[in-house]
Amino acid sequence: MAKSIPTWMQLSEAGWQTPDTYSGAYALIPDTSGVYLLECFKYEDYEQKLIGVCYVGQARSLLRRLSKHEILQKLRCEYEFYVRRWFRLVPIDKLREIERQFIKFYNPPFNILGRRRGF
């Protein structure tokens, strides 16, 4: 499980945006480079429970990557999570560096770092 579970407000204040909200953090996914995270929720007894950041990645085209992401489909179909896609614009030359920082910070269970993917 992720060691740090961010709130919506913390992500928004840190410059993250998402197409999966009606709030002030709303933005369409652009066709440009950036980092992204997949924040997961589970419905239990009609309440939405935050699971946390399940995956962090980077892409030269956020729009293309987040429209056909294999982990996104796995989280939605196999785990039946509601997934909120967050992104931040990052220049191409900084993608790997910034992605590594967020993987280290969130320790998402679906990023493979010498371990089995998932929970």
PDB file of N, CA and C in Angstrom:
ATOM      1  N   MET A   1       0.837  -1.179   0.000  1.00  0.00           N
ATOM      2  CA  MET A   1       0.000   0.000   0.000  1.00  0.00           C
ATOM      3  C   MET A   1       0.879   1.238   0.000  1.00  0.00           C
ATOM      4  N   ALA A   2       0.387   2.284  -0.572  1.00  0.00           N
ATOM      5  CA  ALA A   2       1.139   3.529  -0.640  1.00  0.00           C
ATOM      6  C   ALA A   2       1.415   4.043   0.760  1.00  0.00           C
ATOM      7  N   LYS A   3       2.612   4.580   0.953  1.00  0.00           N
ATOM      8  CA  LYS A   3       2.959   5.090   2.277  1.00  0.00           C
ATOM      9  C   LYS A   3       2.391   6.474   2.519  1.00  0.00           C
ATOM     10  N   SER A   4       1.983   7.154   1.461  1.00  0.00           N
ATOM     11  CA  SER A   4       1.457   8.496   1.595  1.00  0.00           C
ATOM     12  C   SER A   4       0.178   8.595   0.769  1.00  0.00           C
ATOM     13  N   ILE A   5      -0.928   8.824   1.425  1.00  0.00           N
ATOM     14  CA  ILE A   5      -2.200   8.944   0.718  1.00  0.00           C
ATOM     15  C   ILE A   5      -2.575  10.420   0.677  1.00  0.00           C
ATOM     16  N   PRO A   6      -2.482  11.018  -0.510  1.00  0.00           N
ATOM     17  CA  PRO A   6      -2.766  12.451  -0.626  1.00  0.00           C
ATOM     18  C   PRO A   6      -4.252  12.726  -0.619  1.00  0.00           C
ATOM     19  N   THR A   7      -4.604  13.905  -0.172  1.00  0.00           N
ATOM     20  CA  THR A   7      -5.997  14.338  -0.280  1.00  0.00           C
ATOM     21  C   THR A   7      -6.175  15.027  -1.620  1.00  0.00           C
ATOM     22  N   TRP A   8      -7.419  15.171  -2.032  1.00  0.00           N
ATOM     23  CA  TRP A   8      -7.713  15.886  -3.265  1.00  0.00           C
ATOM     24  C   TRP A   8      -7.107  17.278  -3.203  1.00  0.00           C
ATOM     25  N   MET A   9      -7.252  17.944  -2.070  1.00  0.00           N
ATOM     26  CA  MET A   9      -6.760  19.313  -1.916  1.00  0.00           C
ATOM     27  C   MET A   9      -5.242  19.376  -2.040  1.00  0.00           C
ATOM     28  N   GLN A  10      -4.534  18.420  -1.457  1.00  0.00           N
ATOM     29  CA  GLN A  10      -3.071  18.409  -1.550  1.00  0.00           C
ATOM     30  C   GLN A  10      -2.615  18.243  -2.996  1.00  0.00           C
ATOM     31  N   LEU A  11      -3.251  17.351  -3.731  1.00  0.00           N
ATOM     32  CA  LEU A  11      -2.889  17.165  -5.132  1.00  0.00           C
ATOM     33  C   LEU A  11      -3.179  18.431  -5.938  1.00  0.00           C
ATOM     34  N   SER A  12      -4.334  19.004  -5.725  1.00  0.00           N
ATOM     35  CA  SER A  12      -4.724  20.211  -6.444  1.00  0.00           C
ATOM     36  C   SER A  12      -3.772  21.374  -6.144  1.00  0.00           C
ATOM     37  N   GLU A  13      -3.451  21.566  -4.886  1.00  0.00           N
ATOM     38  CA  GLU A  13      -2.547  22.650  -4.494  1.00  0.00           C
ATOM     39  C   GLU A  13      -1.128  22.440  -5.017  1.00  0.00           C
ATOM     40  N   ALA A  14      -0.754  21.187  -5.261  1.00  0.00           N
ATOM     41  CA  ALA A  14       0.579  20.873  -5.781  1.00  0.00           C
ATOM     42  C   ALA A  14       0.633  20.960  -7.311  1.00  0.00           C
ATOM     43  N   GLY A  15      -0.461  21.399  -7.931  1.00  0.00           N
ATOM     44  CA  GLY A  15      -0.460  21.594  -9.372  1.00  0.00           C
ATOM     45  C   GLY A  15      -0.969  20.435 -10.203  1.00  0.00           C
ATOM     46  N   TRP A  16      -1.490  19.386  -9.558  1.00  0.00           N
ATOM     47  CA  TRP A  16      -2.055  18.255 -10.293  1.00  0.00           C
ATOM     48  C   TRP A  16      -3.436  18.647 -10.810  1.00  0.00           C
ATOM     49  N   GLN A  17      -3.801  18.095 -11.973  1.00  0.00           N
ATOM     50  CA  GLN A  17      -5.114  18.325 -12.562  1.00  0.00           C
ATOM     51  C   GLN A  17      -5.718  16.997 -12.976  1.00  0.00           C
ATOM     52  N   THR A  18      -7.054  16.972 -13.125  1.00  0.00           N
ATOM     53  CA  THR A  18      -7.742  15.736 -13.478  1.00  0.00           C
ATOM     54  C   THR A  18      -8.994  16.027 -14.297  1.00  0.00           C
ATOM     55  N   PRO A  19      -9.295  15.157 -15.266  1.00  0.00           N
ATOM     56  CA  PRO A  19     -10.563  15.297 -15.989  1.00  0.00           C
ATOM     57  C   PRO A  19     -11.707  14.617 -15.240  1.00  0.00           C
ATOM     58  N   ASP A  20     -11.408  13.964 -14.138  1.00  0.00           N
ATOM     59  CA  ASP A  20     -12.380  13.143 -13.417  1.00  0.00           C
ATOM     60  C   ASP A  20     -12.952  13.847 -12.195  1.00  0.00           C
ATOM     61  N   THR A  21     -13.297  15.126 -12.335  1.00  0.00           N
ATOM     62  CA  THR A  21     -13.869  15.895 -11.245  1.00  0.00           C
ATOM     63  C   THR A  21     -14.642  17.076 -11.803  1.00  0.00           C
ATOM     64  N   TYR A  22     -15.459  17.678 -10.974  1.00  0.00           N
ATOM     65  CA  TYR A  22     -16.137  18.921 -11.333  1.00  0.00           C
ATOM     66  C   TYR A  22     -15.539  20.084 -10.556  1.00  0.00           C
ATOM     67  N   SER A  23     -14.460  19.851  -9.848  1.00  0.00           N
ATOM     68  CA  SER A  23     -13.861  20.856  -8.977  1.00  0.00           C
ATOM     69  C   SER A  23     -12.927  21.786  -9.739  1.00  0.00           C
ATOM     70  N   GLY A  24     -12.250  22.653  -8.994  1.00  0.00           N
ATOM     71  CA  GLY A  24     -11.288  23.589  -9.566  1.00  0.00           C
ATOM     72  C   GLY A  24     -10.053  22.924 -10.136  1.00  0.00           C
ATOM     73  N   ALA A  25      -9.835  21.642  -9.872  1.00  0.00           N
ATOM     74  CA  ALA A  25      -8.676  20.917 -10.407  1.00  0.00           C
ATOM     75  C   ALA A  25      -8.988  20.291 -11.763  1.00  0.00           C
ATOM     76  N   TYR A  26     -10.180  20.584 -12.291  1.00  0.00           N
ATOM     77  CA  TYR A  26     -10.594  19.984 -13.565  1.00  0.00           C
ATOM     78  C   TYR A  26      -9.747  20.508 -14.721  1.00  0.00           C
ATOM     79  N   ALA A  27      -9.334  19.591 -15.586  1.00  0.00           N
ATOM     80  CA  ALA A  27      -8.671  19.943 -16.845  1.00  0.00           C
ATOM     81  C   ALA A  27      -8.745  18.737 -17.767  1.00  0.00           C
ATOM     82  N   LEU A  28      -8.878  18.997 -19.042  1.00  0.00           N
ATOM     83  CA  LEU A  28      -8.814  17.929 -20.024  1.00  0.00           C
ATOM     84  C   LEU A  28      -7.380  17.435 -20.129  1.00  0.00           C
ATOM     85  N   ILE A  29      -7.214  16.153 -20.397  1.00  0.00           N
ATOM     86  CA  ILE A  29      -5.872  15.588 -20.546  1.00  0.00           C
ATOM     87  C   ILE A  29      -5.279  16.109 -21.853  1.00  0.00           C
ATOM     88  N   PRO A  30      -4.113  16.763 -21.783  1.00  0.00           N
ATOM     89  CA  PRO A  30      -3.512  17.315 -23.001  1.00  0.00           C
ATOM     90  C   PRO A  30      -2.678  16.280 -23.760  1.00  0.00           C
ATOM     91  N   ASP A  31      -2.415  16.580 -25.008  1.00  0.00           N
ATOM     92  CA  ASP A  31      -1.567  15.720 -25.830  1.00  0.00           C
ATOM     93  C   ASP A  31      -0.140  16.263 -25.758  1.00  0.00           C
ATOM     94  N   THR A  32       0.419  16.243 -24.560  1.00  0.00           N
ATOM     95  CA  THR A  32       1.765  16.745 -24.310  1.00  0.00           C
ATOM     96  C   THR A  32       2.427  15.882 -23.244  1.00  0.00           C
ATOM     97  N   SER A  33       3.669  16.171 -22.918  1.00  0.00           N
ATOM     98  CA  SER A  33       4.400  15.335 -21.964  1.00  0.00           C
ATOM     99  C   SER A  33       4.051  15.694 -20.522  1.00  0.00           C
ATOM    100  N   GLY A  34       4.157  14.680 -19.658  1.00  0.00           N
ATOM    101  CA  GLY A  34       3.891  14.904 -18.252  1.00  0.00           C
ATOM    102  C   GLY A  34       3.967  13.626 -17.443  1.00  0.00           C
ATOM    103  N   VAL A  35       3.755  13.782 -16.156  1.00  0.00           N
ATOM    104  CA  VAL A  35       3.673  12.638 -15.253  1.00  0.00           C
ATOM    105  C   VAL A  35       2.210  12.493 -14.850  1.00  0.00           C
ATOM    106  N   TYR A  36       1.848  11.286 -14.443  1.00  0.00           N
ATOM    107  CA  TYR A  36       0.465  11.037 -14.054  1.00  0.00           C
ATOM    108  C   TYR A  36       0.439  10.065 -12.886  1.00  0.00           C
ATOM    109  N   LEU A  37      -0.659  10.086 -12.172  1.00  0.00           N
ATOM    110  CA  LEU A  37      -0.876   9.086 -11.130  1.00  0.00           C
ATOM    111  C   LEU A  37      -2.318   8.634 -11.207  1.00  0.00           C
ATOM    112  N   LEU A  38      -2.531   7.403 -10.808  1.00  0.00           N
ATOM    113  CA  LEU A  38      -3.862   6.811 -10.787  1.00  0.00           C
ATOM    114  C   LEU A  38      -4.262   6.641  -9.330  1.00  0.00           C
ATOM    115  N   GLU A  39      -5.248   7.403  -8.919  1.00  0.00           N
ATOM    116  CA  GLU A  39      -5.744   7.387  -7.538  1.00  0.00           C
ATOM    117  C   GLU A  39      -7.003   6.514  -7.520  1.00  0.00           C
ATOM    118  N   CYS A  40      -7.047   5.552  -6.608  1.00  0.00           N
ATOM    119  CA  CYS A  40      -8.109   4.551  -6.622  1.00  0.00           C
ATOM    120  C   CYS A  40      -9.056   4.674  -5.432  1.00  0.00           C
ATOM    121  N   PHE A  41     -10.309   4.380  -5.715  1.00  0.00           N
ATOM    122  CA  PHE A  41     -11.372   4.378  -4.716  1.00  0.00           C
ATOM    123  C   PHE A  41     -12.154   3.086  -4.854  1.00  0.00           C
ATOM    124  N   LYS A  42     -12.729   2.636  -3.765  1.00  0.00           N
ATOM    125  CA  LYS A  42     -13.580   1.445  -3.755  1.00  0.00           C
ATOM    126  C   LYS A  42     -14.912   1.841  -3.129  1.00  0.00           C
ATOM    127  N   TYR A  43     -15.994   1.355  -3.714  1.00  0.00           N
ATOM    128  CA  TYR A  43     -17.313   1.604  -3.135  1.00  0.00           C
ATOM    129  C   TYR A  43     -17.642   0.506  -2.140  1.00  0.00           C
ATOM    130  N   GLU A  44     -17.939   0.906  -0.915  1.00  0.00           N
ATOM    131  CA  GLU A  44     -18.344  -0.032   0.137  1.00  0.00           C
ATOM    132  C   GLU A  44     -19.560   0.552   0.843  1.00  0.00           C
ATOM    133  N   ASP A  45     -20.639  -0.196   0.859  1.00  0.00           N
ATOM    134  CA  ASP A  45     -21.871   0.270   1.500  1.00  0.00           C
ATOM    135  C   ASP A  45     -22.262   1.663   1.019  1.00  0.00           C
ATOM    136  N   TYR A  46     -22.184   1.874  -0.282  1.00  0.00           N
ATOM    137  CA  TYR A  46     -22.554   3.132  -0.923  1.00  0.00           C
ATOM    138  C   TYR A  46     -21.644   4.306  -0.575  1.00  0.00           C
ATOM    139  N   GLU A  47     -20.510   4.045   0.057  1.00  0.00           N
ATOM    140  CA  GLU A  47     -19.546   5.100   0.360  1.00  0.00           C
ATOM    141  C   GLU A  47     -18.295   4.874  -0.466  1.00  0.00           C
ATOM    142  N   GLN A  48     -17.718   5.968  -0.929  1.00  0.00           N
ATOM    143  CA  GLN A  48     -16.491   5.892  -1.708  1.00  0.00           C
ATOM    144  C   GLN A  48     -15.298   5.960  -0.752  1.00  0.00           C
ATOM    145  N   LYS A  49     -14.523   4.886  -0.672  1.00  0.00           N
ATOM    146  CA  LYS A  49     -13.368   4.811   0.225  1.00  0.00           C
ATOM    147  C   LYS A  49     -12.081   4.967  -0.574  1.00  0.00           C
ATOM    148  N   LEU A  50     -11.235   5.902  -0.169  1.00  0.00           N
ATOM    149  CA  LEU A  50      -9.962   6.133  -0.841  1.00  0.00           C
ATOM    150  C   LEU A  50      -8.999   4.991  -0.557  1.00  0.00           C
ATOM    151  N   ILE A  51      -8.472   4.393  -1.600  1.00  0.00           N
ATOM    152  CA  ILE A  51      -7.451   3.350  -1.473  1.00  0.00           C
ATOM    153  C   ILE A  51      -6.073   4.001  -1.480  1.00  0.00           C
ATOM    154  N   GLY A  52      -5.867   4.956  -2.385  1.00  0.00           N
ATOM    155  CA  GLY A  52      -4.603   5.673  -2.477  1.00  0.00           C
ATOM    156  C   GLY A  52      -4.068   5.694  -3.888  1.00  0.00           C
ATOM    157  N   VAL A  53      -2.844   6.151  -4.032  1.00  0.00           N
ATOM    158  CA  VAL A  53      -2.188   6.192  -5.332  1.00  0.00           C
ATOM    159  C   VAL A  53      -1.745   4.774  -5.663  1.00  0.00           C
ATOM    160  N   CYS A  54      -2.277   4.225  -6.742  1.00  0.00           N
ATOM    161  CA  CYS A  54      -1.975   2.844  -7.129  1.00  0.00           C
ATOM    162  C   CYS A  54      -0.915   2.746  -8.210  1.00  0.00           C
ATOM    163  N   TYR A  55      -0.697   3.823  -8.971  1.00  0.00           N
ATOM    164  CA  TYR A  55       0.282   3.772 -10.053  1.00  0.00           C
ATOM    165  C   TYR A  55       0.756   5.176 -10.383  1.00  0.00           C
ATOM    166  N   VAL A  56       2.042   5.308 -10.688  1.00  0.00           N
ATOM    167  CA  VAL A  56       2.634   6.563 -11.139  1.00  0.00           C
ATOM    168  C   VAL A  56       3.380   6.273 -12.436  1.00  0.00           C
ATOM    169  N   GLY A  57       3.265   7.164 -13.401  1.00  0.00           N
ATOM    170  CA  GLY A  57       3.962   6.971 -14.663  1.00  0.00           C
ATOM    171  C   GLY A  57       4.287   8.288 -15.341  1.00  0.00           C
ATOM    172  N   GLN A  58       4.908   8.176 -16.514  1.00  0.00           N
ATOM    173  CA  GLN A  58       5.240   9.345 -17.303  1.00  0.00           C
ATOM    174  C   GLN A  58       4.957   9.040 -18.762  1.00  0.00           C
ATOM    175  N   ALA A  59       4.698  10.084 -19.540  1.00  0.00           N
ATOM    176  CA  ALA A  59       4.377   9.875 -20.952  1.00  0.00           C
ATOM    177  C   ALA A  59       4.749  11.099 -21.774  1.00  0.00           C
ATOM    178  N   ARG A  60       5.136  10.836 -23.007  1.00  0.00           N
ATOM    179  CA  ARG A  60       5.373  11.927 -23.955  1.00  0.00           C
ATOM    180  C   ARG A  60       4.040  12.485 -24.451  1.00  0.00           C
ATOM    181  N   SER A  61       3.006  11.652 -24.454  1.00  0.00           N
ATOM    182  CA  SER A  61       1.652  12.070 -24.803  1.00  0.00           C
ATOM    183  C   SER A  61       0.715  11.561 -23.714  1.00  0.00           C
ATOM    184  N   LEU A  62       0.357  12.429 -22.793  1.00  0.00           N
ATOM    185  CA  LEU A  62      -0.545  12.034 -21.710  1.00  0.00           C
ATOM    186  C   LEU A  62      -1.884  11.538 -22.254  1.00  0.00           C
ATOM    187  N   LEU A  63      -2.404  12.224 -23.249  1.00  0.00           N
ATOM    188  CA  LEU A  63      -3.702  11.858 -23.810  1.00  0.00           C
ATOM    189  C   LEU A  63      -3.692  10.433 -24.352  1.00  0.00           C
ATOM    190  N   ARG A  64      -2.697  10.095 -25.132  1.00  0.00           N
ATOM    191  CA  ARG A  64      -2.605   8.749 -25.703  1.00  0.00           C
ATOM    192  C   ARG A  64      -2.408   7.701 -24.607  1.00  0.00           C
ATOM    193  N   ARG A  65      -1.508   7.982 -23.676  1.00  0.00           N
ATOM    194  CA  ARG A  65      -1.182   7.010 -22.625  1.00  0.00           C
ATOM    195  C   ARG A  65      -2.375   6.750 -21.713  1.00  0.00           C
ATOM    196  N   LEU A  66      -3.056   7.796 -21.306  1.00  0.00           N
ATOM    197  CA  LEU A  66      -4.148   7.624 -20.340  1.00  0.00           C
ATOM    198  C   LEU A  66      -5.455   7.184 -20.983  1.00  0.00           C
ATOM    199  N   SER A  67      -5.503   7.118 -22.298  1.00  0.00           N
ATOM    200  CA  SER A  67      -6.716   6.614 -22.938  1.00  0.00           C
ATOM    201  C   SER A  67      -6.681   5.099 -23.124  1.00  0.00           C
ATOM    202  N   LYS A  68      -5.462   4.501 -23.131  1.00  0.00           N
ATOM    203  CA  LYS A  68      -5.355   3.052 -23.350  1.00  0.00           C
ATOM    204  C   LYS A  68      -4.406   2.397 -22.352  1.00  0.00           C
ATOM    205  N   HIS A  69      -4.359   2.885 -21.154  1.00  0.00           N
ATOM    206  CA  HIS A  69      -3.401   2.392 -20.165  1.00  0.00           C
ATOM    207  C   HIS A  69      -3.801   1.023 -19.624  1.00  0.00           C
ATOM    208  N   GLU A  70      -2.895   0.046 -19.728  1.00  0.00           N
ATOM    209  CA  GLU A  70      -3.216  -1.329 -19.315  1.00  0.00           C
ATOM    210  C   GLU A  70      -3.462  -1.445 -17.809  1.00  0.00           C
ATOM    211  N   ILE A  71      -2.745  -0.693 -17.004  1.00  0.00           N
ATOM    212  CA  ILE A  71      -2.949  -0.745 -15.546  1.00  0.00           C
ATOM    213  C   ILE A  71      -4.289  -0.101 -15.184  1.00  0.00           C
ATOM    214  N   LEU A  72      -4.652   0.954 -15.870  1.00  0.00           N
ATOM    215  CA  LEU A  72      -5.942   1.605 -15.649  1.00  0.00           C
ATOM    216  C   LEU A  72      -7.073   0.610 -15.871  1.00  0.00           C
ATOM    217  N   GLN A  73      -6.998  -0.150 -16.963  1.00  0.00           N
ATOM    218  CA  GLN A  73      -8.024  -1.154 -17.251  1.00  0.00           C
ATOM    219  C   GLN A  73      -8.053  -2.246 -16.187  1.00  0.00           C
ATOM    220  N   LYS A  74      -6.870  -2.675 -15.742  1.00  0.00           N
ATOM    221  CA  LYS A  74      -6.781  -3.707 -14.702  1.00  0.00           C
ATOM    222  C   LYS A  74      -7.426  -3.214 -13.395  1.00  0.00           C
ATOM    223  N   LEU A  75      -7.122  -1.980 -13.015  1.00  0.00           N
ATOM    224  CA  LEU A  75      -7.685  -1.425 -11.782  1.00  0.00           C
ATOM    225  C   LEU A  75      -9.203  -1.322 -11.862  1.00  0.00           C
ATOM    226  N   ARG A  76      -9.697  -0.920 -13.008  1.00  0.00           N
ATOM    227  CA  ARG A  76     -11.151  -0.767 -13.185  1.00  0.00           C
ATOM    228  C   ARG A  76     -11.871  -2.105 -13.295  1.00  0.00           C
ATOM    229  N   CYS A  77     -11.322  -3.014 -14.063  1.00  0.00           N
ATOM    230  CA  CYS A  77     -12.020  -4.275 -14.340  1.00  0.00           C
ATOM    231  C   CYS A  77     -11.771  -5.356 -13.305  1.00  0.00           C
ATOM    232  N   GLU A  78     -10.521  -5.656 -13.013  1.00  0.00           N
ATOM    233  CA  GLU A  78     -10.206  -6.744 -12.068  1.00  0.00           C
ATOM    234  C   GLU A  78     -10.459  -6.349 -10.615  1.00  0.00           C
ATOM    235  N   TYR A  79     -10.089  -5.124 -10.254  1.00  0.00           N
ATOM    236  CA  TYR A  79     -10.236  -4.690  -8.862  1.00  0.00           C
ATOM    237  C   TYR A  79     -11.523  -3.915  -8.614  1.00  0.00           C
ATOM    238  N   GLU A  80     -12.209  -3.539  -9.688  1.00  0.00           N
ATOM    239  CA  GLU A  80     -13.460  -2.781  -9.621  1.00  0.00           C
ATOM    240  C   GLU A  80     -13.302  -1.472  -8.863  1.00  0.00           C
ATOM    241  N   PHE A  81     -12.180  -0.801  -9.081  1.00  0.00           N
ATOM    242  CA  PHE A  81     -11.932   0.505  -8.482  1.00  0.00           C
ATOM    243  C   PHE A  81     -12.500   1.603  -9.368  1.00  0.00           C
ATOM    244  N   TYR A  82     -12.909   2.691  -8.728  1.00  0.00           N
ATOM    245  CA  TYR A  82     -13.119   3.938  -9.450  1.00  0.00           C
ATOM    246  C   TYR A  82     -11.740   4.587  -9.478  1.00  0.00           C
ATOM    247  N   VAL A  83     -11.265   4.979 -10.643  1.00  0.00           N
ATOM    248  CA  VAL A  83      -9.912   5.518 -10.776  1.00  0.00           C
ATOM    249  C   VAL A  83      -9.978   6.967 -11.228  1.00  0.00           C
ATOM    250  N   ARG A  84      -9.340   7.829 -10.456  1.00  0.00           N
ATOM    251  CA  ARG A  84      -9.203   9.229 -10.840  1.00  0.00           C
ATOM    252  C   ARG A  84      -7.805   9.413 -11.423  1.00  0.00           C
ATOM    253  N   ARG A  85      -7.749   9.923 -12.655  1.00  0.00           N
ATOM    254  CA  ARG A  85      -6.482  10.146 -13.347  1.00  0.00           C
ATOM    255  C   ARG A  85      -6.019  11.580 -13.102  1.00  0.00           C
ATOM    256  N   TRP A  86      -4.860  11.716 -12.464  1.00  0.00           N
ATOM    257  CA  TRP A  86      -4.266  13.029 -12.208  1.00  0.00           C
ATOM    258  C   TRP A  86      -3.033  13.185 -13.091  1.00  0.00           C
ATOM    259  N   PHE A  87      -2.730  14.410 -13.502  1.00  0.00           N
ATOM    260  CA  PHE A  87      -1.532  14.649 -14.310  1.00  0.00           C
ATOM    261  C   PHE A  87      -0.924  16.011 -13.996  1.00  0.00           C
ATOM    262  N   ARG A  88       0.363  16.103 -14.284  1.00  0.00           N
ATOM    263  CA  ARG A  88       1.113  17.371 -14.220  1.00  0.00           C
ATOM    264  C   ARG A  88       1.965  17.459 -15.464  1.00  0.00           C
ATOM    265  N   LEU A  89       2.003  18.622 -16.078  1.00  0.00           N
ATOM    266  CA  LEU A  89       2.826  18.822 -17.263  1.00  0.00           C
ATOM    267  C   LEU A  89       4.287  18.901 -16.848  1.00  0.00           C
ATOM    268  N   VAL A  90       5.131  18.185 -17.582  1.00  0.00           N
ATOM    269  CA  VAL A  90       6.565  18.120 -17.297  1.00  0.00           C
ATOM    270  C   VAL A  90       7.289  18.098 -18.639  1.00  0.00           C
ATOM    271  N   PRO A  91       8.374  18.876 -18.775  1.00  0.00           N
ATOM    272  CA  PRO A  91       9.138  18.809 -20.020  1.00  0.00           C
ATOM    273  C   PRO A  91       9.697  17.405 -20.251  1.00  0.00           C
ATOM    274  N   ILE A  92       9.821  17.007 -21.508  1.00  0.00           N
ATOM    275  CA  ILE A  92      10.282  15.661 -21.858  1.00  0.00           C
ATOM    276  C   ILE A  92      11.606  15.312 -21.185  1.00  0.00           C
ATOM    277  N   ASP A  93      12.526  16.254 -21.108  1.00  0.00           N
ATOM    278  CA  ASP A  93      13.847  15.956 -20.537  1.00  0.00           C
ATOM    279  C   ASP A  93      13.822  15.744 -19.021  1.00  0.00           C
ATOM    280  N   LYS A  94      12.706  16.016 -18.360  1.00  0.00           N
ATOM    281  CA  LYS A  94      12.587  15.837 -16.901  1.00  0.00           C
ATOM    282  C   LYS A  94      11.652  14.692 -16.516  1.00  0.00           C
ATOM    283  N   LEU A  95      11.060  14.025 -17.511  1.00  0.00           N
ATOM    284  CA  LEU A  95      10.047  13.008 -17.227  1.00  0.00           C
ATOM    285  C   LEU A  95      10.527  11.921 -16.273  1.00  0.00           C
ATOM    286  N   ARG A  96      11.620  11.258 -16.599  1.00  0.00           N
ATOM    287  CA  ARG A  96      12.103  10.130 -15.775  1.00  0.00           C
ATOM    288  C   ARG A  96      12.458  10.574 -14.362  1.00  0.00           C
ATOM    289  N   GLU A  97      13.104  11.710 -14.253  1.00  0.00           N
ATOM    290  CA  GLU A  97      13.510  12.232 -12.942  1.00  0.00           C
ATOM    291  C   GLU A  97      12.293  12.508 -12.050  1.00  0.00           C
ATOM    292  N   ILE A  98      11.317  13.201 -12.594  1.00  0.00           N
ATOM    293  CA  ILE A  98      10.117  13.546 -11.820  1.00  0.00           C
ATOM    294  C   ILE A  98       9.298  12.291 -11.513  1.00  0.00           C
ATOM    295  N   GLU A  99       9.176  11.396 -12.483  1.00  0.00           N
ATOM    296  CA  GLU A  99       8.456  10.140 -12.256  1.00  0.00           C
ATOM    297  C   GLU A  99       9.094   9.373 -11.097  1.00  0.00           C
ATOM    298  N   ARG A 100      10.423   9.245 -11.102  1.00  0.00           N
ATOM    299  CA  ARG A 100      11.125   8.534 -10.015  1.00  0.00           C
ATOM    300  C   ARG A 100      10.829   9.154  -8.651  1.00  0.00           C
ATOM    301  N   GLN A 101      10.803  10.479  -8.593  1.00  0.00           N
ATOM    302  CA  GLN A 101      10.522  11.163  -7.328  1.00  0.00           C
ATOM    303  C   GLN A 101       9.140  10.790  -6.798  1.00  0.00           C
ATOM    304  N   PHE A 102       8.148  10.772  -7.691  1.00  0.00           N
ATOM    305  CA  PHE A 102       6.791  10.453  -7.251  1.00  0.00           C
ATOM    306  C   PHE A 102       6.622   8.976  -6.916  1.00  0.00           C
ATOM    307  N   ILE A 103       7.310   8.104  -7.640  1.00  0.00           N
ATOM    308  CA  ILE A 103       7.265   6.671  -7.301  1.00  0.00           C
ATOM    309  C   ILE A 103       7.857   6.458  -5.913  1.00  0.00           C
ATOM    310  N   LYS A 104       8.960   7.097  -5.655  1.00  0.00           N
ATOM    311  CA  LYS A 104       9.602   6.969  -4.338  1.00  0.00           C
ATOM    312  C   LYS A 104       8.701   7.528  -3.233  1.00  0.00           C
ATOM    313  N   PHE A 105       8.075   8.666  -3.496  1.00  0.00           N
ATOM    314  CA  PHE A 105       7.234   9.315  -2.494  1.00  0.00           C
ATOM    315  C   PHE A 105       5.960   8.519  -2.196  1.00  0.00           C
ATOM    316  N   TYR A 106       5.258   8.077  -3.248  1.00  0.00           N
ATOM    317  CA  TYR A 106       3.976   7.390  -3.059  1.00  0.00           C
ATOM    318  C   TYR A 106       4.093   5.885  -2.888  1.00  0.00           C
ATOM    319  N   ASN A 107       5.180   5.276  -3.353  1.00  0.00           N
ATOM    320  CA  ASN A 107       5.371   3.831  -3.258  1.00  0.00           C
ATOM    321  C   ASN A 107       4.125   3.072  -3.743  1.00  0.00           C
ATOM    322  N   PRO A 108       3.672   3.355  -4.973  1.00  0.00           N
ATOM    323  CA  PRO A 108       2.420   2.754  -5.445  1.00  0.00           C
ATOM    324  C   PRO A 108       2.536   1.249  -5.683  1.00  0.00           C
ATOM    325  N   PRO A 109       1.525   0.482  -5.294  1.00  0.00           N
ATOM    326  CA  PRO A 109       1.596  -0.976  -5.366  1.00  0.00           C
ATOM    327  C   PRO A 109       1.610  -1.558  -6.778  1.00  0.00           C
ATOM    328  N   PHE A 110       1.214  -0.789  -7.789  1.00  0.00           N
ATOM    329  CA  PHE A 110       1.197  -1.331  -9.143  1.00  0.00           C
ATOM    330  C   PHE A 110       2.413  -0.925  -9.971  1.00  0.00           C
ATOM    331  N   ASN A 111       3.338  -0.189  -9.383  1.00  0.00           N
ATOM    332  CA  ASN A 111       4.627   0.046 -10.028  1.00  0.00           C
ATOM    333  C   ASN A 111       5.543  -1.086  -9.594  1.00  0.00           C
ATOM    334  N   ILE A 112       6.236  -1.702 -10.549  1.00  0.00           N
ATOM    335  CA  ILE A 112       7.114  -2.825 -10.223  1.00  0.00           C
ATOM    336  C   ILE A 112       8.505  -2.297  -9.925  1.00  0.00           C
ATOM    337  N   LEU A 113       8.939  -2.476  -8.704  1.00  0.00           N
ATOM    338  CA  LEU A 113      10.278  -2.073  -8.273  1.00  0.00           C
ATOM    339  C   LEU A 113      10.877  -3.241  -7.512  1.00  0.00           C
ATOM    340  N   GLY A 114      11.178  -4.320  -8.225  1.00  0.00           N
ATOM    341  CA  GLY A 114      11.744  -5.495  -7.568  1.00  0.00           C
ATOM    342  C   GLY A 114      10.739  -6.231  -6.707  1.00  0.00           C
ATOM    343  N   ARG A 115       9.464  -6.156  -7.063  1.00  0.00           N
ATOM    344  CA  ARG A 115       8.420  -6.837  -6.281  1.00  0.00           C
ATOM    345  C   ARG A 115       7.279  -7.229  -7.198  1.00  0.00           C
ATOM    346  N   ARG A 116       6.349  -7.958  -6.667  1.00  0.00           N
ATOM    347  CA  ARG A 116       5.166  -8.382  -7.411  1.00  0.00           C
ATOM    348  C   ARG A 116       4.190  -7.213  -7.535  1.00  0.00           C
ATOM    349  N   ARG A 117       3.585  -7.047  -8.696  1.00  0.00           N
ATOM    350  CA  ARG A 117       2.629  -5.952  -8.923  1.00  0.00           C
ATOM    351  C   ARG A 117       1.318  -6.230  -8.205  1.00  0.00           C
ATOM    352  N   GLY A 118       0.760  -5.229  -7.565  1.00  0.00           N
ATOM    353  CA  GLY A 118      -0.537  -5.335  -6.918  1.00  0.00           C
ATOM    354  C   GLY A 118      -0.458  -5.331  -5.412  1.00  0.00           C
ATOM    355  N   PHE A 119      -1.557  -5.718  -4.801  1.00  0.00           N
ATOM    356  CA  PHE A 119      -1.652  -5.671  -3.333  1.00  0.00           C
ATOM    357  C   PHE A 119      -1.208  -6.962  -2.719  1.00  0.00           C
TER     358      PHE A 119
END
